[in-house]
Amino acid sequence: MSAMIISSLERLIGMVQKLENSGITTIHFYSAKNSGDLDVATIAFVPFVDLVILGKDAPYSLSLNQIIKEAQTRHIPVLSEECIEAVRDKGSLV
């Protein structure tokens, strides 16, 4: 499985082990601190991932809203960082 994660690097580091234990083998990271990076190319990449994960520090923006809408349109789960924190080491995200 693959995931697109929009968060700070610090938040990503806290999620990586649980993601790997849940079967996420490919992680596409977009820095929340560089919200300008959330552009058309980022939105266009959404159909190629299995999950979209929003870190606690993901900045609200029109681009982020478009990413969420694109994921919903394609029935791709959008999870919050809180959901990842709640997953047990051998749990499943979906």
N, C-alpha and C. Protein backbone atom coordinates (compact mmCIF):
# COMPACT_ATOMS: atom_id res chain seq x y z
N MET A 1 0.84 -1.18 0.00
CA MET A 1 0.00 0.00 0.00
C MET A 1 0.88 1.24 0.00
N SER A 2 0.31 2.33 -0.44
CA SER A 2 1.04 3.60 -0.46
C SER A 2 0.20 4.68 0.20
N ALA A 3 0.87 5.71 0.69
CA ALA A 3 0.18 6.81 1.34
C ALA A 3 0.83 8.13 0.98
N MET A 4 -0.01 9.16 0.85
CA MET A 4 0.44 10.53 0.70
C MET A 4 0.27 11.16 2.08
N ILE A 5 1.35 11.70 2.62
CA ILE A 5 1.30 12.30 3.95
C ILE A 5 1.63 13.78 3.84
N ILE A 6 0.75 14.60 4.37
CA ILE A 6 0.96 16.04 4.39
C ILE A 6 1.12 16.43 5.86
N SER A 7 2.35 16.72 6.24
CA SER A 7 2.65 17.05 7.64
C SER A 7 4.05 17.65 7.70
N SER A 8 4.48 17.95 8.91
CA SER A 8 5.87 18.36 9.09
C SER A 8 6.72 17.10 9.16
N LEU A 9 8.01 17.26 8.96
CA LEU A 9 8.93 16.12 9.03
C LEU A 9 8.89 15.50 10.42
N GLU A 10 8.79 16.32 11.44
CA GLU A 10 8.75 15.82 12.82
C GLU A 10 7.53 14.91 13.02
N ARG A 11 6.39 15.31 12.51
CA ARG A 11 5.16 14.52 12.63
C ARG A 11 5.28 13.22 11.83
N LEU A 12 5.87 13.31 10.64
CA LEU A 12 6.05 12.12 9.81
C LEU A 12 6.87 11.07 10.54
N ILE A 13 7.96 11.49 11.16
CA ILE A 13 8.84 10.56 11.87
C ILE A 13 8.06 9.81 12.94
N GLY A 14 7.13 10.48 13.60
CA GLY A 14 6.32 9.84 14.62
C GLY A 14 5.33 8.82 14.08
N MET A 15 4.99 8.92 12.80
CA MET A 15 4.00 8.02 12.21
C MET A 15 4.60 6.85 11.45
N VAL A 16 5.84 6.96 11.02
CA VAL A 16 6.43 5.99 10.09
C VAL A 16 6.35 4.55 10.57
N GLN A 17 6.72 4.28 11.81
CA GLN A 17 6.74 2.90 12.30
C GLN A 17 5.35 2.27 12.27
N LYS A 18 4.35 3.03 12.72
CA LYS A 18 2.98 2.49 12.70
C LYS A 18 2.50 2.28 11.27
N LEU A 19 2.88 3.16 10.37
CA LEU A 19 2.49 2.98 8.97
C LEU A 19 3.12 1.72 8.40
N GLU A 20 4.40 1.53 8.66
CA GLU A 20 5.08 0.32 8.17
C GLU A 20 4.47 -0.94 8.76
N ASN A 21 4.15 -0.91 10.05
CA ASN A 21 3.53 -2.07 10.70
C ASN A 21 2.13 -2.35 10.17
N SER A 22 1.51 -1.35 9.56
CA SER A 22 0.17 -1.50 9.00
C SER A 22 0.19 -1.84 7.52
N GLY A 23 1.37 -2.04 6.95
CA GLY A 23 1.47 -2.46 5.56
C GLY A 23 1.70 -1.35 4.55
N ILE A 24 1.96 -0.13 5.01
CA ILE A 24 2.27 0.96 4.09
C ILE A 24 3.74 0.82 3.71
N THR A 25 4.01 0.51 2.47
CA THR A 25 5.38 0.29 2.02
C THR A 25 5.96 1.47 1.25
N THR A 26 5.10 2.34 0.76
CA THR A 26 5.56 3.50 0.00
C THR A 26 4.92 4.75 0.58
N ILE A 27 5.75 5.71 0.97
CA ILE A 27 5.27 6.95 1.57
C ILE A 27 5.70 8.12 0.70
N HIS A 28 4.73 8.93 0.31
CA HIS A 28 4.98 10.15 -0.46
C HIS A 28 4.74 11.31 0.50
N PHE A 29 5.79 12.03 0.83
CA PHE A 29 5.74 13.07 1.85
C PHE A 29 5.69 14.46 1.23
N TYR A 30 4.78 15.28 1.74
CA TYR A 30 4.70 16.69 1.34
C TYR A 30 4.78 17.52 2.61
N SER A 31 5.72 18.41 2.68
CA SER A 31 5.98 19.20 3.88
C SER A 31 4.87 20.21 4.14
N ALA A 32 4.33 20.17 5.35
CA ALA A 32 3.29 21.12 5.75
C ALA A 32 3.88 22.52 5.91
N LYS A 33 5.18 22.59 6.16
CA LYS A 33 5.82 23.89 6.35
C LYS A 33 5.98 24.64 5.03
N ASN A 34 5.98 23.92 3.94
CA ASN A 34 6.08 24.54 2.62
C ASN A 34 4.74 24.37 1.91
N SER A 35 3.71 25.03 2.43
CA SER A 35 2.37 24.82 1.89
C SER A 35 2.27 25.21 0.42
N GLY A 36 3.23 25.98 -0.08
CA GLY A 36 3.25 26.30 -1.49
C GLY A 36 3.51 25.08 -2.36
N ASP A 37 4.05 24.01 -1.72
CA ASP A 37 4.30 22.77 -2.46
C ASP A 37 3.02 22.03 -2.83
N LEU A 38 1.93 22.38 -2.17
CA LEU A 38 0.66 21.71 -2.45
C LEU A 38 0.04 22.37 -3.68
N ASP A 39 0.50 21.95 -4.84
CA ASP A 39 0.08 22.57 -6.07
C ASP A 39 -0.64 21.57 -6.95
N VAL A 40 -0.82 21.91 -8.20
CA VAL A 40 -1.53 21.05 -9.14
C VAL A 40 -0.88 19.68 -9.26
N ALA A 41 0.44 19.62 -9.25
CA ALA A 41 1.12 18.33 -9.36
C ALA A 41 0.81 17.44 -8.16
N THR A 42 0.73 18.03 -6.98
CA THR A 42 0.39 17.27 -5.78
C THR A 42 -1.02 16.72 -5.88
N ILE A 43 -1.94 17.55 -6.31
CA ILE A 43 -3.34 17.13 -6.47
C ILE A 43 -3.43 16.03 -7.52
N ALA A 44 -2.69 16.16 -8.60
CA ALA A 44 -2.72 15.16 -9.67
C ALA A 44 -2.16 13.81 -9.22
N PHE A 45 -1.36 13.80 -8.17
CA PHE A 45 -0.75 12.56 -7.68
C PHE A 45 -1.71 11.73 -6.82
N VAL A 46 -2.76 12.34 -6.32
CA VAL A 46 -3.70 11.67 -5.41
C VAL A 46 -4.22 10.34 -5.95
N PRO A 47 -4.62 10.22 -7.21
CA PRO A 47 -5.16 8.94 -7.69
C PRO A 47 -4.19 7.76 -7.62
N PHE A 48 -2.92 8.02 -7.40
CA PHE A 48 -1.92 6.97 -7.40
C PHE A 48 -1.55 6.46 -6.01
N VAL A 49 -2.26 6.90 -4.98
CA VAL A 49 -2.00 6.44 -3.62
C VAL A 49 -3.23 5.72 -3.07
N ASP A 50 -3.00 4.93 -2.02
CA ASP A 50 -4.09 4.20 -1.39
C ASP A 50 -4.71 4.96 -0.23
N LEU A 51 -3.95 5.87 0.38
CA LEU A 51 -4.41 6.66 1.53
C LEU A 51 -3.86 8.07 1.44
N VAL A 52 -4.61 9.01 1.99
CA VAL A 52 -4.10 10.36 2.20
C VAL A 52 -4.16 10.59 3.70
N ILE A 53 -3.03 10.98 4.28
CA ILE A 53 -2.95 11.18 5.73
C ILE A 53 -2.57 12.64 5.99
N LEU A 54 -3.38 13.29 6.83
CA LEU A 54 -3.15 14.69 7.16
C LEU A 54 -2.57 14.80 8.56
N GLY A 55 -1.39 15.37 8.67
CA GLY A 55 -0.78 15.60 9.97
C GLY A 55 -1.53 16.67 10.73
N LYS A 56 -1.30 16.70 12.03
CA LYS A 56 -1.96 17.71 12.88
C LYS A 56 -1.62 19.12 12.44
N ASP A 57 -0.48 19.27 11.80
CA ASP A 57 -0.03 20.60 11.40
C ASP A 57 -0.21 20.87 9.90
N ALA A 58 -1.01 20.05 9.24
CA ALA A 58 -1.28 20.29 7.81
C ALA A 58 -2.03 21.61 7.68
N PRO A 59 -1.51 22.53 6.90
CA PRO A 59 -2.13 23.86 6.81
C PRO A 59 -3.42 23.82 5.99
N TYR A 60 -4.46 24.44 6.50
CA TYR A 60 -5.67 24.52 5.70
C TYR A 60 -5.42 25.50 4.56
N SER A 61 -5.73 25.05 3.36
CA SER A 61 -5.58 25.91 2.18
C SER A 61 -6.53 25.39 1.11
N LEU A 62 -6.69 26.16 0.07
CA LEU A 62 -7.53 25.71 -1.04
C LEU A 62 -6.93 24.47 -1.69
N SER A 63 -5.61 24.40 -1.78
CA SER A 63 -4.96 23.23 -2.36
C SER A 63 -5.23 21.98 -1.53
N LEU A 64 -5.13 22.11 -0.21
CA LEU A 64 -5.40 20.97 0.66
C LEU A 64 -6.86 20.54 0.53
N ASN A 65 -7.75 21.50 0.43
CA ASN A 65 -9.16 21.19 0.23
C ASN A 65 -9.37 20.43 -1.08
N GLN A 66 -8.66 20.82 -2.13
CA GLN A 66 -8.77 20.13 -3.42
C GLN A 66 -8.21 18.71 -3.33
N ILE A 67 -7.14 18.52 -2.57
CA ILE A 67 -6.58 17.18 -2.38
C ILE A 67 -7.61 16.28 -1.70
N ILE A 68 -8.25 16.80 -0.67
CA ILE A 68 -9.27 16.02 0.05
C ILE A 68 -10.43 15.69 -0.87
N LYS A 69 -10.90 16.66 -1.64
CA LYS A 69 -12.02 16.42 -2.56
C LYS A 69 -11.65 15.38 -3.62
N GLU A 70 -10.43 15.46 -4.14
CA GLU A 70 -9.96 14.49 -5.15
C GLU A 70 -9.94 13.09 -4.56
N ALA A 71 -9.45 12.97 -3.33
CA ALA A 71 -9.42 11.66 -2.67
C ALA A 71 -10.84 11.13 -2.45
N GLN A 72 -11.74 11.98 -2.00
CA GLN A 72 -13.12 11.54 -1.76
C GLN A 72 -13.79 11.12 -3.06
N THR A 73 -13.57 11.86 -4.12
CA THR A 73 -14.15 11.52 -5.42
C THR A 73 -13.70 10.15 -5.89
N ARG A 74 -12.46 9.81 -5.59
CA ARG A 74 -11.89 8.52 -6.02
C ARG A 74 -11.98 7.45 -4.94
N HIS A 75 -12.73 7.74 -3.88
CA HIS A 75 -12.94 6.79 -2.78
C HIS A 75 -11.62 6.36 -2.13
N ILE A 76 -10.72 7.30 -2.00
CA ILE A 76 -9.44 7.07 -1.32
C ILE A 76 -9.60 7.59 0.11
N PRO A 77 -9.37 6.74 1.10
CA PRO A 77 -9.54 7.19 2.49
C PRO A 77 -8.61 8.36 2.84
N VAL A 78 -9.17 9.32 3.57
CA VAL A 78 -8.40 10.44 4.10
C VAL A 78 -8.41 10.29 5.62
N LEU A 79 -7.23 10.10 6.20
CA LEU A 79 -7.12 9.87 7.63
C LEU A 79 -6.36 11.01 8.30
N SER A 80 -6.68 11.24 9.54
CA SER A 80 -5.93 12.24 10.31
C SER A 80 -4.79 11.56 11.05
N GLU A 81 -3.85 12.36 11.48
CA GLU A 81 -2.73 11.83 12.27
C GLU A 81 -3.25 11.14 13.53
N GLU A 82 -4.33 11.64 14.09
CA GLU A 82 -4.91 11.03 15.29
C GLU A 82 -5.30 9.58 15.04
N CYS A 83 -5.79 9.28 13.85
CA CYS A 83 -6.15 7.90 13.50
C CYS A 83 -4.91 7.01 13.50
N ILE A 84 -3.81 7.52 13.01
CA ILE A 84 -2.56 6.76 12.97
C ILE A 84 -2.07 6.50 14.40
N GLU A 85 -2.17 7.51 15.25
CA GLU A 85 -1.73 7.36 16.64
C GLU A 85 -2.54 6.30 17.37
N ALA A 86 -3.80 6.12 16.98
CA ALA A 86 -4.69 5.17 17.65
C ALA A 86 -4.47 3.73 17.20
N VAL A 87 -3.77 3.54 16.10
CA VAL A 87 -3.56 2.20 15.56
C VAL A 87 -2.58 1.43 16.45
N ARG A 88 -2.96 0.23 16.81
CA ARG A 88 -2.04 -0.63 17.57
C ARG A 88 -0.93 -1.10 16.63
N ASP A 89 0.17 -1.57 17.16
CA ASP A 89 1.30 -1.96 16.34
C ASP A 89 0.95 -2.98 15.27
N LYS A 90 0.02 -3.86 15.52
CA LYS A 90 -0.34 -4.86 14.52
C LYS A 90 -1.73 -4.59 13.95
N GLY A 91 -2.21 -3.39 14.10
CA GLY A 91 -3.53 -3.03 13.62
C GLY A 91 -3.54 -2.73 12.14
N SER A 92 -4.70 -2.36 11.66
CA SER A 92 -4.87 -2.04 10.26
C SER A 92 -5.43 -0.64 10.13
N LEU A 93 -5.01 0.08 9.13
CA LEU A 93 -5.49 1.44 8.92
C LEU A 93 -6.84 1.46 8.21
N VAL A 94 -7.07 0.49 7.34
CA VAL A 94 -8.33 0.45 6.59
C VAL A 94 -8.94 -0.91 6.65
